[in-house]
Amino acid sequence: MDIARFIGIIIVFGVPAIWFGGLVFDWFHSWVAVWIWEIILAIIAISTALKATRHKSADVH
C-alpha cells in the first residue's frame, strides 16, 4: 500500500466533507444529519483509498 497516496486521497475527500457538512446542516438544521453525511463520506473515502492503493502480488517486482 502506498501510504502517501492513501493519505492524499483521504485529504481530497476532506474538502467535500467540510463543505457539504455545512450545507447539510444549513438544509436540515440537525447535527445528526451532518454525522450521517460524514459517516457515509468516510466509508466512501476509505473504500476508494483502499481500492486505489491496493497492490496485486503480480504487479510488484
N, C-alpha and C. Protein backbone atom coordinates (compact mmCIF):
# COMPACT_ATOMS: atom_id res chain seq x y z
N MET A 1 0.84 -1.17 0.00
CA MET A 1 0.00 0.00 0.00
C MET A 1 0.89 1.24 0.00
N ASP A 2 0.60 2.13 -0.89
CA ASP A 2 1.32 3.39 -0.95
C ASP A 2 0.67 4.36 0.04
N ILE A 3 1.32 4.57 1.17
CA ILE A 3 0.72 5.35 2.24
C ILE A 3 0.53 6.82 1.85
N ALA A 4 1.44 7.36 1.06
CA ALA A 4 1.30 8.76 0.64
C ALA A 4 0.06 8.96 -0.23
N ARG A 5 -0.18 8.02 -1.13
CA ARG A 5 -1.36 8.12 -1.98
C ARG A 5 -2.63 7.95 -1.16
N PHE A 6 -2.62 7.02 -0.21
CA PHE A 6 -3.76 6.79 0.66
C PHE A 6 -4.11 8.06 1.44
N ILE A 7 -3.12 8.69 2.05
CA ILE A 7 -3.34 9.92 2.82
C ILE A 7 -3.81 11.04 1.90
N GLY A 8 -3.26 11.12 0.70
CA GLY A 8 -3.68 12.14 -0.26
C GLY A 8 -5.14 12.01 -0.64
N ILE A 9 -5.59 10.79 -0.86
CA ILE A 9 -6.99 10.57 -1.21
C ILE A 9 -7.90 10.95 -0.05
N ILE A 10 -7.50 10.61 1.16
CA ILE A 10 -8.30 10.97 2.34
C ILE A 10 -8.37 12.49 2.50
N ILE A 11 -7.27 13.19 2.24
CA ILE A 11 -7.27 14.65 2.34
C ILE A 11 -8.18 15.26 1.27
N VAL A 12 -8.14 14.71 0.07
CA VAL A 12 -9.01 15.22 -1.00
C VAL A 12 -10.48 15.05 -0.63
N PHE A 13 -10.82 13.97 0.02
CA PHE A 13 -12.20 13.77 0.45
C PHE A 13 -12.56 14.66 1.64
N GLY A 14 -11.58 15.25 2.29
CA GLY A 14 -11.86 16.14 3.42
C GLY A 14 -12.53 17.43 3.00
N VAL A 15 -12.24 17.90 1.80
CA VAL A 15 -12.84 19.16 1.32
C VAL A 15 -14.36 19.03 1.18
N PRO A 16 -14.87 18.02 0.46
CA PRO A 16 -16.34 17.91 0.41
C PRO A 16 -16.95 17.55 1.75
N ALA A 17 -16.19 16.90 2.62
CA ALA A 17 -16.73 16.58 3.94
C ALA A 17 -17.04 17.86 4.71
N ILE A 18 -16.14 18.81 4.68
CA ILE A 18 -16.35 20.07 5.39
C ILE A 18 -17.39 20.92 4.69
N TRP A 19 -17.27 21.04 3.39
CA TRP A 19 -18.15 21.93 2.62
C TRP A 19 -19.60 21.43 2.65
N PHE A 20 -19.79 20.17 2.29
CA PHE A 20 -21.15 19.63 2.27
C PHE A 20 -21.70 19.41 3.67
N GLY A 21 -20.82 19.22 4.64
CA GLY A 21 -21.29 19.13 6.02
C GLY A 21 -21.98 20.42 6.45
N GLY A 22 -21.41 21.55 6.04
CA GLY A 22 -22.05 22.83 6.32
C GLY A 22 -23.37 22.98 5.59
N LEU A 23 -23.41 22.53 4.34
CA LEU A 23 -24.67 22.60 3.58
C LEU A 23 -25.75 21.70 4.19
N VAL A 24 -25.36 20.51 4.60
CA VAL A 24 -26.33 19.60 5.21
C VAL A 24 -26.89 20.22 6.49
N PHE A 25 -26.03 20.85 7.28
CA PHE A 25 -26.53 21.50 8.49
C PHE A 25 -27.46 22.66 8.14
N ASP A 26 -27.12 23.41 7.10
CA ASP A 26 -27.96 24.53 6.70
C ASP A 26 -29.32 24.05 6.19
N TRP A 27 -29.33 22.94 5.48
CA TRP A 27 -30.59 22.42 4.93
C TRP A 27 -31.47 21.80 6.00
N PHE A 28 -30.88 21.01 6.91
CA PHE A 28 -31.67 20.22 7.85
C PHE A 28 -31.63 20.74 9.29
N HIS A 29 -30.70 21.63 9.61
CA HIS A 29 -30.54 22.16 10.97
C HIS A 29 -30.46 21.03 11.99
N SER A 30 -29.68 20.02 11.64
CA SER A 30 -29.56 18.85 12.51
C SER A 30 -28.13 18.32 12.46
N TRP A 31 -27.56 18.16 13.65
CA TRP A 31 -26.22 17.59 13.70
C TRP A 31 -26.24 16.10 13.38
N VAL A 32 -27.36 15.45 13.61
CA VAL A 32 -27.48 14.03 13.27
C VAL A 32 -27.34 13.84 11.76
N ALA A 33 -27.97 14.70 10.99
CA ALA A 33 -27.85 14.62 9.53
C ALA A 33 -26.41 14.85 9.09
N VAL A 34 -25.73 15.77 9.74
CA VAL A 34 -24.33 16.03 9.41
C VAL A 34 -23.48 14.80 9.71
N TRP A 35 -23.70 14.18 10.86
CA TRP A 35 -22.92 12.98 11.21
C TRP A 35 -23.21 11.83 10.26
N ILE A 36 -24.45 11.69 9.84
CA ILE A 36 -24.78 10.65 8.86
C ILE A 36 -24.03 10.91 7.56
N TRP A 37 -24.03 12.16 7.11
CA TRP A 37 -23.29 12.52 5.89
C TRP A 37 -21.80 12.22 6.05
N GLU A 38 -21.24 12.60 7.19
CA GLU A 38 -19.81 12.40 7.41
C GLU A 38 -19.46 10.91 7.44
N ILE A 39 -20.29 10.10 8.05
CA ILE A 39 -20.03 8.66 8.10
C ILE A 39 -20.11 8.04 6.71
N ILE A 40 -21.11 8.43 5.94
CA ILE A 40 -21.23 7.91 4.57
C ILE A 40 -20.02 8.31 3.75
N LEU A 41 -19.61 9.56 3.86
CA LEU A 41 -18.45 10.02 3.09
C LEU A 41 -17.17 9.35 3.55
N ALA A 42 -17.03 9.09 4.84
CA ALA A 42 -15.84 8.40 5.34
C ALA A 42 -15.76 6.98 4.80
N ILE A 43 -16.89 6.30 4.73
CA ILE A 43 -16.91 4.94 4.18
C ILE A 43 -16.50 4.97 2.71
N ILE A 44 -17.04 5.91 1.97
CA ILE A 44 -16.70 6.03 0.54
C ILE A 44 -15.22 6.38 0.37
N ALA A 45 -14.72 7.30 1.19
CA ALA A 45 -13.32 7.73 1.08
C ALA A 45 -12.36 6.59 1.40
N ILE A 46 -12.62 5.87 2.45
CA ILE A 46 -11.72 4.79 2.84
C ILE A 46 -11.76 3.66 1.83
N SER A 47 -12.95 3.32 1.35
CA SER A 47 -13.02 2.24 0.35
C SER A 47 -12.34 2.65 -0.95
N THR A 48 -12.50 3.92 -1.36
CA THR A 48 -11.84 4.40 -2.56
C THR A 48 -10.32 4.40 -2.39
N ALA A 49 -9.86 4.86 -1.24
CA ALA A 49 -8.42 4.91 -0.99
C ALA A 49 -7.83 3.50 -0.94
N LEU A 50 -8.54 2.57 -0.33
CA LEU A 50 -8.03 1.20 -0.28
C LEU A 50 -7.99 0.56 -1.66
N LYS A 51 -9.01 0.80 -2.46
CA LYS A 51 -9.02 0.25 -3.82
C LYS A 51 -7.91 0.86 -4.68
N ALA A 52 -7.66 2.14 -4.50
CA ALA A 52 -6.65 2.82 -5.32
C ALA A 52 -5.23 2.44 -4.92
N THR A 53 -5.04 2.07 -3.68
CA THR A 53 -3.68 1.78 -3.21
C THR A 53 -3.39 0.30 -3.06
N ARG A 54 -4.34 -0.54 -3.39
CA ARG A 54 -4.14 -1.98 -3.25
C ARG A 54 -3.21 -2.47 -4.36
N HIS A 55 -2.18 -3.20 -3.96
CA HIS A 55 -1.23 -3.77 -4.93
C HIS A 55 -1.53 -5.24 -5.10
N LYS A 56 -1.46 -5.68 -6.32
CA LYS A 56 -1.58 -7.11 -6.58
C LYS A 56 -0.18 -7.71 -6.57
N SER A 57 -0.07 -8.92 -6.12
CA SER A 57 1.25 -9.53 -5.98
C SER A 57 1.95 -9.70 -7.33
N ALA A 58 1.21 -9.83 -8.41
CA ALA A 58 1.83 -9.98 -9.73
C ALA A 58 2.42 -8.67 -10.23
N ASP A 59 1.90 -7.54 -9.75
CA ASP A 59 2.39 -6.24 -10.21
C ASP A 59 3.66 -5.80 -9.49
N VAL A 60 3.92 -6.35 -8.32
CA VAL A 60 5.07 -5.93 -7.53
C VAL A 60 6.29 -6.75 -7.95
N HIS A 61 7.34 -6.07 -8.37
CA HIS A 61 8.57 -6.76 -8.79
C HIS A 61 9.74 -6.19 -8.06
